[in-house]
């Protein structure tokens, strides 16, 4: 029973994987996408919502989350951190300034 994966946790992992895919696509097509900064902003909002969801899920489920599922979620969070760092490396300071002025 220690490998039990509940459906809600699995759906959260799927959402993270979909977001990871979208961030990876943006990283790969950064120079070909004329709207990269806005897309990056959209993805970061999605990421923030997902982290809030996963925190609420962990708080609510507590010890009922299996060790395997905890590890899967932890690995996913680590992967997201790496992807966001890659994305951050794509943004040039001039883009940050221009984006802040237009907001």
PDB file of N, CA and C in Angstrom:
ATOM      1  N   UNK A   1       0.821  -1.203   0.000  1.00  0.00           N
ATOM      2  CA  UNK A   1       0.000   0.000   0.000  1.00  0.00           C
ATOM      3  C   UNK A   1       0.860   1.260   0.000  1.00  0.00           C
ATOM      4  N   UNK A   2       2.168   1.142   0.319  1.00  0.00           N
ATOM      5  CA  UNK A   2       3.020   2.322   0.383  1.00  0.00           C
ATOM      6  C   UNK A   2       3.230   2.965  -0.993  1.00  0.00           C
ATOM      7  N   UNK A   3       2.959   2.241  -2.054  1.00  0.00           N
ATOM      8  CA  UNK A   3       3.090   2.799  -3.394  1.00  0.00           C
ATOM      9  C   UNK A   3       1.776   3.359  -3.922  1.00  0.00           C
ATOM     10  N   UNK A   4       0.781   3.481  -3.060  1.00  0.00           N
ATOM     11  CA  UNK A   4      -0.518   4.002  -3.467  1.00  0.00           C
ATOM     12  C   UNK A   4      -0.367   5.427  -3.991  1.00  0.00           C
ATOM     13  N   UNK A   5      -0.933   5.677  -5.141  1.00  0.00           N
ATOM     14  CA  UNK A   5      -0.940   7.004  -5.750  1.00  0.00           C
ATOM     15  C   UNK A   5      -2.399   7.433  -5.870  1.00  0.00           C
ATOM     16  N   UNK A   6      -2.742   8.539  -5.201  1.00  0.00           N
ATOM     17  CA  UNK A   6      -4.129   8.971  -5.316  1.00  0.00           C
ATOM     18  C   UNK A   6      -4.301   9.812  -6.580  1.00  0.00           C
ATOM     19  N   UNK A   7      -5.522   9.868  -7.049  1.00  0.00           N
ATOM     20  CA  UNK A   7      -5.833  10.498  -8.337  1.00  0.00           C
ATOM     21  C   UNK A   7      -5.544  11.996  -8.330  1.00  0.00           C
ATOM     22  N   UNK A   8      -5.858  12.663  -7.228  1.00  0.00           N
ATOM     23  CA  UNK A   8      -5.627  14.110  -7.176  1.00  0.00           C
ATOM     24  C   UNK A   8      -4.143  14.434  -7.307  1.00  0.00           C
ATOM     25  N   UNK A   9      -3.318  13.676  -6.597  1.00  0.00           N
ATOM     26  CA  UNK A   9      -1.872  13.888  -6.693  1.00  0.00           C
ATOM     27  C   UNK A   9      -1.353  13.620  -8.094  1.00  0.00           C
ATOM     28  N   UNK A  10      -1.878  12.581  -8.720  1.00  0.00           N
ATOM     29  CA  UNK A  10      -1.476  12.259 -10.086  1.00  0.00           C
ATOM     30  C   UNK A  10      -1.875  13.377 -11.046  1.00  0.00           C
ATOM     31  N   UNK A  11      -3.067  13.918 -10.873  1.00  0.00           N
ATOM     32  CA  UNK A  11      -3.504  15.027 -11.738  1.00  0.00           C
ATOM     33  C   UNK A  11      -2.620  16.266 -11.547  1.00  0.00           C
ATOM     34  N   UNK A  12      -2.165  16.496 -10.326  1.00  0.00           N
ATOM     35  CA  UNK A  12      -1.259  17.628 -10.086  1.00  0.00           C
ATOM     36  C   UNK A  12       0.074  17.393 -10.807  1.00  0.00           C
ATOM     37  N   UNK A  13       0.567  16.156 -10.746  1.00  0.00           N
ATOM     38  CA  UNK A  13       1.809  15.836 -11.466  1.00  0.00           C
ATOM     39  C   UNK A  13       1.631  16.019 -12.974  1.00  0.00           C
ATOM     40  N   UNK A  14       0.486  15.645 -13.485  1.00  0.00           N
ATOM     41  CA  UNK A  14       0.210  15.824 -14.913  1.00  0.00           C
ATOM     42  C   UNK A  14       0.224  17.309 -15.266  1.00  0.00           C
ATOM     43  N   UNK A  15      -0.388  18.150 -14.421  1.00  0.00           N
ATOM     44  CA  UNK A  15      -0.378  19.595 -14.668  1.00  0.00           C
ATOM     45  C   UNK A  15       1.051  20.137 -14.687  1.00  0.00           C
ATOM     46  N   UNK A  16       1.878  19.670 -13.736  1.00  0.00           N
ATOM     47  CA  UNK A  16       3.273  20.099 -13.706  1.00  0.00           C
ATOM     48  C   UNK A  16       4.001  19.654 -14.968  1.00  0.00           C
ATOM     49  N   UNK A  17       3.731  18.443 -15.423  1.00  0.00           N
ATOM     50  CA  UNK A  17       4.384  17.957 -16.639  1.00  0.00           C
ATOM     51  C   UNK A  17       3.952  18.755 -17.866  1.00  0.00           C
ATOM     52  N   UNK A  18       2.686  19.135 -17.920  1.00  0.00           N
ATOM     53  CA  UNK A  18       2.216  19.969 -19.032  1.00  0.00           C
ATOM     54  C   UNK A  18       2.901  21.341 -19.005  1.00  0.00           C
ATOM     55  N   UNK A  19       3.022  21.910 -17.814  1.00  0.00           N
ATOM     56  CA  UNK A  19       3.704  23.194 -17.689  1.00  0.00           C
ATOM     57  C   UNK A  19       5.182  23.056 -18.044  1.00  0.00           C
ATOM     58  N   UNK A  20       5.805  21.980 -17.607  1.00  0.00           N
ATOM     59  CA  UNK A  20       7.218  21.735 -17.946  1.00  0.00           C
ATOM     60  C   UNK A  20       7.399  21.662 -19.457  1.00  0.00           C
ATOM     61  N   UNK A  21       6.486  20.973 -20.109  1.00  0.00           N
ATOM     62  CA  UNK A  21       6.537  20.872 -21.570  1.00  0.00           C
ATOM     63  C   UNK A  21       6.447  22.258 -22.203  1.00  0.00           C
ATOM     64  N   UNK A  22       5.526  23.082 -21.721  1.00  0.00           N
ATOM     65  CA  UNK A  22       5.345  24.420 -22.296  1.00  0.00           C
ATOM     66  C   UNK A  22       6.552  25.318 -22.053  1.00  0.00           C
ATOM     67  N   UNK A  23       7.160  25.213 -20.868  1.00  0.00           N
ATOM     68  CA  UNK A  23       8.366  25.998 -20.580  1.00  0.00           C
ATOM     69  C   UNK A  23       9.515  25.535 -21.463  1.00  0.00           C
ATOM     70  N   UNK A  24       9.647  24.224 -21.638  1.00  0.00           N
ATOM     71  CA  UNK A  24      10.700  23.681 -22.501  1.00  0.00           C
ATOM     72  C   UNK A  24      10.517  24.164 -23.938  1.00  0.00           C
ATOM     73  N   UNK A  25       9.290  24.137 -24.421  1.00  0.00           N
ATOM     74  CA  UNK A  25       9.024  24.634 -25.781  1.00  0.00           C
ATOM     75  C   UNK A  25       9.404  26.097 -25.923  1.00  0.00           C
ATOM     76  N   UNK A  26       9.075  26.898 -24.923  1.00  0.00           N
ATOM     77  CA  UNK A  26       9.435  28.321 -24.985  1.00  0.00           C
ATOM     78  C   UNK A  26      10.948  28.487 -24.951  1.00  0.00           C
ATOM     79  N   UNK A  27      11.625  27.736 -24.089  1.00  0.00           N
ATOM     80  CA  UNK A  27      13.091  27.804 -24.055  1.00  0.00           C
ATOM     81  C   UNK A  27      13.686  27.490 -25.416  1.00  0.00           C
ATOM     82  N   UNK A  28      13.183  26.459 -26.068  1.00  0.00           N
ATOM     83  CA  UNK A  28      13.717  26.039 -27.361  1.00  0.00           C
ATOM     84  C   UNK A  28      13.404  27.032 -28.473  1.00  0.00           C
ATOM     85  N   UNK A  29      12.290  27.722 -28.365  1.00  0.00           N
ATOM     86  CA  UNK A  29      11.885  28.625 -29.451  1.00  0.00           C
ATOM     87  C   UNK A  29      11.984  30.090 -29.062  1.00  0.00           C
ATOM     88  N   UNK A  30      12.752  30.391 -28.042  1.00  0.00           N
ATOM     89  CA  UNK A  30      12.823  31.757 -27.506  1.00  0.00           C
ATOM     90  C   UNK A  30      13.087  32.790 -28.596  1.00  0.00           C
ATOM     91  N   UNK A  31      14.090  32.561 -29.415  1.00  0.00           N
ATOM     92  CA  UNK A  31      14.472  33.538 -30.444  1.00  0.00           C
ATOM     93  C   UNK A  31      13.494  33.578 -31.615  1.00  0.00           C
ATOM     94  N   UNK A  32      12.708  32.539 -31.789  1.00  0.00           N
ATOM     95  CA  UNK A  32      11.748  32.493 -32.889  1.00  0.00           C
ATOM     96  C   UNK A  32      10.374  33.027 -32.493  1.00  0.00           C
ATOM     97  N   UNK A  33      10.188  33.274 -31.215  1.00  0.00           N
ATOM     98  CA  UNK A  33       8.894  33.695 -30.698  1.00  0.00           C
ATOM     99  C   UNK A  33       8.950  35.196 -30.406  1.00  0.00           C
ATOM    100  N   UNK A  34       8.173  35.991 -31.126  1.00  0.00           N
ATOM    101  CA  UNK A  34       8.214  37.443 -30.947  1.00  0.00           C
ATOM    102  C   UNK A  34       7.587  37.880 -29.620  1.00  0.00           C
ATOM    103  N   UNK A  35       6.869  37.004 -28.985  1.00  0.00           N
ATOM    104  CA  UNK A  35       6.151  37.335 -27.766  1.00  0.00           C
ATOM    105  C   UNK A  35       6.680  36.527 -26.572  1.00  0.00           C
ATOM    106  N   UNK A  36       7.969  36.252 -26.553  1.00  0.00           N
ATOM    107  CA  UNK A  36       8.554  35.366 -25.544  1.00  0.00           C
ATOM    108  C   UNK A  36       8.373  35.876 -24.119  1.00  0.00           C
ATOM    109  N   UNK A  37       8.565  37.179 -23.918  1.00  0.00           N
ATOM    110  CA  UNK A  37       8.453  37.738 -22.567  1.00  0.00           C
ATOM    111  C   UNK A  37       7.040  37.561 -22.027  1.00  0.00           C
ATOM    112  N   UNK A  38       6.049  37.870 -22.836  1.00  0.00           N
ATOM    113  CA  UNK A  38       4.665  37.714 -22.382  1.00  0.00           C
ATOM    114  C   UNK A  38       4.318  36.255 -22.125  1.00  0.00           C
ATOM    115  N   UNK A  39       4.805  35.367 -22.975  1.00  0.00           N
ATOM    116  CA  UNK A  39       4.569  33.934 -22.781  1.00  0.00           C
ATOM    117  C   UNK A  39       5.248  33.460 -21.493  1.00  0.00           C
ATOM    118  N   UNK A  40       6.457  33.941 -21.235  1.00  0.00           N
ATOM    119  CA  UNK A  40       7.165  33.579 -20.009  1.00  0.00           C
ATOM    120  C   UNK A  40       6.371  34.048 -18.783  1.00  0.00           C
ATOM    121  N   UNK A  41       5.836  35.247 -18.844  1.00  0.00           N
ATOM    122  CA  UNK A  41       5.031  35.766 -17.738  1.00  0.00           C
ATOM    123  C   UNK A  41       3.806  34.879 -17.493  1.00  0.00           C
ATOM    124  N   UNK A  42       3.141  34.508 -18.569  1.00  0.00           N
ATOM    125  CA  UNK A  42       1.967  33.632 -18.481  1.00  0.00           C
ATOM    126  C   UNK A  42       2.329  32.290 -17.831  1.00  0.00           C
ATOM    127  N   UNK A  43       3.455  31.739 -18.236  1.00  0.00           N
ATOM    128  CA  UNK A  43       3.887  30.449 -17.681  1.00  0.00           C
ATOM    129  C   UNK A  43       4.257  30.566 -16.206  1.00  0.00           C
ATOM    130  N   UNK A  44       4.851  31.696 -15.801  1.00  0.00           N
ATOM    131  CA  UNK A  44       5.212  31.879 -14.400  1.00  0.00           C
ATOM    132  C   UNK A  44       3.969  32.029 -13.526  1.00  0.00           C
ATOM    133  N   UNK A  45       2.927  32.629 -14.055  1.00  0.00           N
ATOM    134  CA  UNK A  45       1.662  32.716 -13.312  1.00  0.00           C
ATOM    135  C   UNK A  45       1.084  31.309 -13.132  1.00  0.00           C
ATOM    136  N   UNK A  46       1.122  30.515 -14.195  1.00  0.00           N
ATOM    137  CA  UNK A  46       0.653  29.128 -14.095  1.00  0.00           C
ATOM    138  C   UNK A  46       1.463  28.351 -13.067  1.00  0.00           C
ATOM    139  N   UNK A  47       2.785  28.566 -13.076  1.00  0.00           N
ATOM    140  CA  UNK A  47       3.646  27.862 -12.131  1.00  0.00           C
ATOM    141  C   UNK A  47       3.288  28.248 -10.699  1.00  0.00           C
ATOM    142  N   UNK A  48       3.102  29.521 -10.463  1.00  0.00           N
ATOM    143  CA  UNK A  48       2.770  29.979  -9.116  1.00  0.00           C
ATOM    144  C   UNK A  48       1.469  29.330  -8.627  1.00  0.00           C
ATOM    145  N   UNK A  49       0.470  29.269  -9.486  1.00  0.00           N
ATOM    146  CA  UNK A  49      -0.806  28.641  -9.123  1.00  0.00           C
ATOM    147  C   UNK A  49      -0.620  27.158  -8.807  1.00  0.00           C
ATOM    148  N   UNK A  50       0.208  26.490  -9.604  1.00  0.00           N
ATOM    149  CA  UNK A  50       0.448  25.066  -9.361  1.00  0.00           C
ATOM    150  C   UNK A  50       1.179  24.825  -8.046  1.00  0.00           C
ATOM    151  N   UNK A  51       2.157  25.673  -7.738  1.00  0.00           N
ATOM    152  CA  UNK A  51       2.857  25.515  -6.464  1.00  0.00           C
ATOM    153  C   UNK A  51       1.910  25.751  -5.298  1.00  0.00           C
ATOM    154  N   UNK A  52       1.004  26.688  -5.434  1.00  0.00           N
ATOM    155  CA  UNK A  52       0.000  26.910  -4.396  1.00  0.00           C
ATOM    156  C   UNK A  52      -0.903  25.677  -4.263  1.00  0.00           C
ATOM    157  N   UNK A  53      -1.337  25.140  -5.393  1.00  0.00           N
ATOM    158  CA  UNK A  53      -2.173  23.933  -5.368  1.00  0.00           C
ATOM    159  C   UNK A  53      -1.465  22.763  -4.697  1.00  0.00           C
ATOM    160  N   UNK A  54      -0.194  22.577  -5.027  1.00  0.00           N
ATOM    161  CA  UNK A  54       0.535  21.427  -4.474  1.00  0.00           C
ATOM    162  C   UNK A  54       0.772  21.629  -2.975  1.00  0.00           C
ATOM    163  N   UNK A  55       0.971  22.872  -2.554  1.00  0.00           N
ATOM    164  CA  UNK A  55       1.134  23.152  -1.120  1.00  0.00           C
ATOM    165  C   UNK A  55      -0.164  22.883  -0.365  1.00  0.00           C
ATOM    166  N   UNK A  56      -1.277  23.312  -0.943  1.00  0.00           N
ATOM    167  CA  UNK A  56      -2.576  23.055  -0.317  1.00  0.00           C
ATOM    168  C   UNK A  56      -2.861  21.552  -0.259  1.00  0.00           C
ATOM    169  N   UNK A  57      -2.516  20.870  -1.327  1.00  0.00           N
ATOM    170  CA  UNK A  57      -2.702  19.415  -1.393  1.00  0.00           C
ATOM    171  C   UNK A  57      -1.893  18.732  -0.288  1.00  0.00           C
ATOM    172  N   UNK A  58      -0.624  19.100  -0.145  1.00  0.00           N
ATOM    173  CA  UNK A  58       0.236  18.493   0.873  1.00  0.00           C
ATOM    174  C   UNK A  58      -0.305  18.793   2.263  1.00  0.00           C
ATOM    175  N   UNK A  59      -0.746  20.014   2.482  1.00  0.00           N
ATOM    176  CA  UNK A  59      -1.301  20.391   3.785  1.00  0.00           C
ATOM    177  C   UNK A  59      -2.545  19.560   4.111  1.00  0.00           C
ATOM    178  N   UNK A  60      -3.392  19.397   3.139  1.00  0.00           N
ATOM    179  CA  UNK A  60      -4.645  18.671   3.334  1.00  0.00           C
ATOM    180  C   UNK A  60      -4.425  17.163   3.498  1.00  0.00           C
ATOM    181  N   UNK A  61      -3.528  16.604   2.699  1.00  0.00           N
ATOM    182  CA  UNK A  61      -3.329  15.150   2.701  1.00  0.00           C
ATOM    183  C   UNK A  61      -2.378  14.683   3.807  1.00  0.00           C
ATOM    184  N   UNK A  62      -1.397  15.481   4.136  1.00  0.00           N
ATOM    185  CA  UNK A  62      -0.464  15.137   5.210  1.00  0.00           C
ATOM    186  C   UNK A  62       0.206  13.798   5.001  1.00  0.00           C
ATOM    187  N   UNK A  63       0.113  12.943   6.017  1.00  0.00           N
ATOM    188  CA  UNK A  63       0.782  11.637   5.997  1.00  0.00           C
ATOM    189  C   UNK A  63       0.131  10.628   5.065  1.00  0.00           C
ATOM    190  N   UNK A  64      -1.000  10.966   4.496  1.00  0.00           N
ATOM    191  CA  UNK A  64      -1.672  10.030   3.585  1.00  0.00           C
ATOM    192  C   UNK A  64      -0.986   9.987   2.214  1.00  0.00           C
ATOM    193  N   UNK A  65      -0.087  10.922   1.954  1.00  0.00           N
ATOM    194  CA  UNK A  65       0.677  10.894   0.697  1.00  0.00           C
ATOM    195  C   UNK A  65       1.761   9.831   0.843  1.00  0.00           C
ATOM    196  N   UNK A  66       1.801   8.917  -0.099  1.00  0.00           N
ATOM    197  CA  UNK A  66       2.771   7.825  -0.014  1.00  0.00           C
ATOM    198  C   UNK A  66       4.191   8.349  -0.238  1.00  0.00           C
ATOM    199  N   UNK A  67       5.188   7.632   0.286  1.00  0.00           N
ATOM    200  CA  UNK A  67       6.585   8.035   0.062  1.00  0.00           C
ATOM    201  C   UNK A  67       6.919   8.163  -1.435  1.00  0.00           C
ATOM    202  N   UNK A  68       6.388   7.249  -2.227  1.00  0.00           N
ATOM    203  CA  UNK A  68       6.652   7.310  -3.677  1.00  0.00           C
ATOM    204  C   UNK A  68       6.087   8.592  -4.273  1.00  0.00           C
ATOM    205  N   UNK A  69       4.851   8.931  -3.879  1.00  0.00           N
ATOM    206  CA  UNK A  69       4.229  10.128  -4.435  1.00  0.00           C
ATOM    207  C   UNK A  69       4.954  11.385  -3.946  1.00  0.00           C
ATOM    208  N   UNK A  70       5.398  11.397  -2.694  1.00  0.00           N
ATOM    209  CA  UNK A  70       6.179  12.527  -2.184  1.00  0.00           C
ATOM    210  C   UNK A  70       7.450  12.702  -3.015  1.00  0.00           C
ATOM    211  N   UNK A  71       8.111  11.576  -3.309  1.00  0.00           N
ATOM    212  CA  UNK A  71       9.338  11.636  -4.111  1.00  0.00           C
ATOM    213  C   UNK A  71       9.042  12.144  -5.513  1.00  0.00           C
ATOM    214  N   UNK A  72       7.963  11.645  -6.121  1.00  0.00           N
ATOM    215  CA  UNK A  72       7.598  12.082  -7.469  1.00  0.00           C
ATOM    216  C   UNK A  72       7.323  13.588  -7.500  1.00  0.00           C
ATOM    217  N   UNK A  73       6.605  14.060  -6.501  1.00  0.00           N
ATOM    218  CA  UNK A  73       6.305  15.497  -6.428  1.00  0.00           C
ATOM    219  C   UNK A  73       7.589  16.291  -6.205  1.00  0.00           C
ATOM    220  N   UNK A  74       8.438  15.823  -5.302  1.00  0.00           N
ATOM    221  CA  UNK A  74       9.716  16.500  -5.055  1.00  0.00           C
ATOM    222  C   UNK A  74      10.588  16.554  -6.299  1.00  0.00           C
ATOM    223  N   UNK A  75      10.664  15.450  -7.030  1.00  0.00           N
ATOM    224  CA  UNK A  75      11.444  15.416  -8.274  1.00  0.00           C
ATOM    225  C   UNK A  75      10.875  16.391  -9.307  1.00  0.00           C
ATOM    226  N   UNK A  76       9.560  16.467  -9.358  1.00  0.00           N
ATOM    227  CA  UNK A  76       8.915  17.370 -10.305  1.00  0.00           C
ATOM    228  C   UNK A  76       9.223  18.823  -9.956  1.00  0.00           C
ATOM    229  N   UNK A  77       9.194  19.141  -8.674  1.00  0.00           N
ATOM    230  CA  UNK A  77       9.503  20.507  -8.235  1.00  0.00           C
ATOM    231  C   UNK A  77      10.948  20.854  -8.577  1.00  0.00           C
ATOM    232  N   UNK A  78      11.872  19.917  -8.359  1.00  0.00           N
ATOM    233  CA  UNK A  78      13.279  20.147  -8.731  1.00  0.00           C
ATOM    234  C   UNK A  78      13.420  20.400 -10.224  1.00  0.00           C
ATOM    235  N   UNK A  79      12.723  19.615 -11.018  1.00  0.00           N
ATOM    236  CA  UNK A  79      12.770  19.803 -12.467  1.00  0.00           C
ATOM    237  C   UNK A  79      12.236  21.165 -12.876  1.00  0.00           C
ATOM    238  N   UNK A  80      11.159  21.601 -12.236  1.00  0.00           N
ATOM    239  CA  UNK A  80      10.596  22.920 -12.545  1.00  0.00           C
ATOM    240  C   UNK A  80      11.594  24.018 -12.207  1.00  0.00           C
ATOM    241  N   UNK A  81      12.292  23.877 -11.089  1.00  0.00           N
ATOM    242  CA  UNK A  81      13.288  24.879 -10.700  1.00  0.00           C
ATOM    243  C   UNK A  81      14.366  25.009 -11.777  1.00  0.00           C
ATOM    244  N   UNK A  82      14.813  23.892 -12.311  1.00  0.00           N
ATOM    245  CA  UNK A  82      15.830  23.923 -13.368  1.00  0.00           C
ATOM    246  C   UNK A  82      15.289  24.592 -14.622  1.00  0.00           C
ATOM    247  N   UNK A  83      14.062  24.235 -15.013  1.00  0.00           N
ATOM    248  CA  UNK A  83      13.476  24.827 -16.218  1.00  0.00           C
ATOM    249  C   UNK A  83      13.301  26.328 -16.080  1.00  0.00           C
ATOM    250  N   UNK A  84      12.871  26.778 -14.907  1.00  0.00           N
ATOM    251  CA  UNK A  84      12.691  28.215 -14.689  1.00  0.00           C
ATOM    252  C   UNK A  84      14.034  28.923 -14.734  1.00  0.00           C
ATOM    253  N   UNK A  85      15.080  28.300 -14.203  1.00  0.00           N
ATOM    254  CA  UNK A  85      16.412  28.907 -14.287  1.00  0.00           C
ATOM    255  C   UNK A  85      16.871  29.023 -15.736  1.00  0.00           C
ATOM    256  N   UNK A  86      16.595  28.006 -16.552  1.00  0.00           N
ATOM    257  CA  UNK A  86      16.932  28.089 -17.976  1.00  0.00           C
ATOM    258  C   UNK A  86      16.167  29.229 -18.635  1.00  0.00           C
ATOM    259  N   UNK A  87      14.913  29.353 -18.275  1.00  0.00           N
ATOM    260  CA  UNK A  87      14.080  30.421 -18.828  1.00  0.00           C
ATOM    261  C   UNK A  87      14.610  31.782 -18.385  1.00  0.00           C
ATOM    262  N   UNK A  88      14.977  31.888 -17.130  1.00  0.00           N
ATOM    263  CA  UNK A  88      15.512  33.144 -16.607  1.00  0.00           C
ATOM    264  C   UNK A  88      16.782  33.551 -17.352  1.00  0.00           C
ATOM    265  N   UNK A  89      17.593  32.577 -17.717  1.00  0.00           N
ATOM    266  CA  UNK A  89      18.818  32.864 -18.465  1.00  0.00           C
ATOM    267  C   UNK A  89      18.530  33.422 -19.856  1.00  0.00           C
ATOM    268  N   UNK A  90      17.352  33.159 -20.396  1.00  0.00           N
ATOM    269  CA  UNK A  90      16.989  33.660 -21.731  1.00  0.00           C
ATOM    270  C   UNK A  90      16.633  35.141 -21.716  1.00  0.00           C
ATOM    271  N   UNK A  91      16.199  35.639 -20.564  1.00  0.00           N
ATOM    272  CA  UNK A  91      15.719  37.016 -20.476  1.00  0.00           C
ATOM    273  C   UNK A  91      16.904  37.946 -20.280  1.00  0.00           C
ATOM    274  N   UNK A  92      17.025  38.889 -21.182  1.00  0.00           N
ATOM    275  CA  UNK A  92      18.098  39.871 -21.122  1.00  0.00           C
ATOM    276  C   UNK A  92      17.628  41.061 -20.281  1.00  0.00           C
ATOM    277  N   UNK A  93      18.559  41.739 -19.581  1.00  0.00           N
ATOM    278  CA  UNK A  93      18.149  42.883 -18.752  1.00  0.00           C
ATOM    279  C   UNK A  93      17.357  43.942 -19.518  1.00  0.00           C
ATOM    280  N   UNK A  94      17.677  44.157 -20.794  1.00  0.00           N
ATOM    281  CA  UNK A  94      16.923  45.159 -21.566  1.00  0.00           C
ATOM    282  C   UNK A  94      15.471  44.722 -21.720  1.00  0.00           C
ATOM    283  N   UNK A  95      15.231  43.426 -21.861  1.00  0.00           N
ATOM    284  CA  UNK A  95      13.867  42.929 -21.955  1.00  0.00           C
ATOM    285  C   UNK A  95      13.144  43.126 -20.624  1.00  0.00           C
ATOM    286  N   UNK A  96      13.868  42.948 -19.528  1.00  0.00           N
ATOM    287  CA  UNK A  96      13.264  43.156 -18.222  1.00  0.00           C
ATOM    288  C   UNK A  96      12.850  44.616 -18.044  1.00  0.00           C
ATOM    289  N   UNK A  97      13.712  45.532 -18.445  1.00  0.00           N
ATOM    290  CA  UNK A  97      13.425  46.958 -18.323  1.00  0.00           C
ATOM    291  C   UNK A  97      12.258  47.375 -19.207  1.00  0.00           C
ATOM    292  N   UNK A  98      12.285  46.954 -20.444  1.00  0.00           N
ATOM    293  CA  UNK A  98      11.213  47.306 -21.386  1.00  0.00           C
ATOM    294  C   UNK A  98       9.880  46.739 -20.908  1.00  0.00           C
ATOM    295  N   UNK A  99       9.893  45.512 -20.418  1.00  0.00           N
ATOM    296  CA  UNK A  99       8.669  44.883 -19.951  1.00  0.00           C
ATOM    297  C   UNK A  99       8.129  45.614 -18.722  1.00  0.00           C
ATOM    298  N   UNK A 100       9.015  46.026 -17.816  1.00  0.00           N
ATOM    299  CA  UNK A 100       8.577  46.743 -16.616  1.00  0.00           C
ATOM    300  C   UNK A 100       7.994  48.098 -16.959  1.00  0.00           C
ATOM    301  N   UNK A 101       8.575  48.778 -17.951  1.00  0.00           N
ATOM    302  CA  UNK A 101       8.075  50.097 -18.350  1.00  0.00           C
ATOM    303  C   UNK A 101       6.723  50.023 -19.035  1.00  0.00           C
ATOM    304  N   UNK A 102       6.480  48.920 -19.743  1.00  0.00           N
ATOM    305  CA  UNK A 102       5.221  48.798 -20.479  1.00  0.00           C
ATOM    306  C   UNK A 102       4.088  48.269 -19.616  1.00  0.00           C
ATOM    307  N   UNK A 103       4.402  47.832 -18.396  1.00  0.00           N
ATOM    308  CA  UNK A 103       3.367  47.258 -17.516  1.00  0.00           C
ATOM    309  C   UNK A 103       2.531  48.308 -16.843  1.00  0.00           C
TER     310      UNK A 103
END
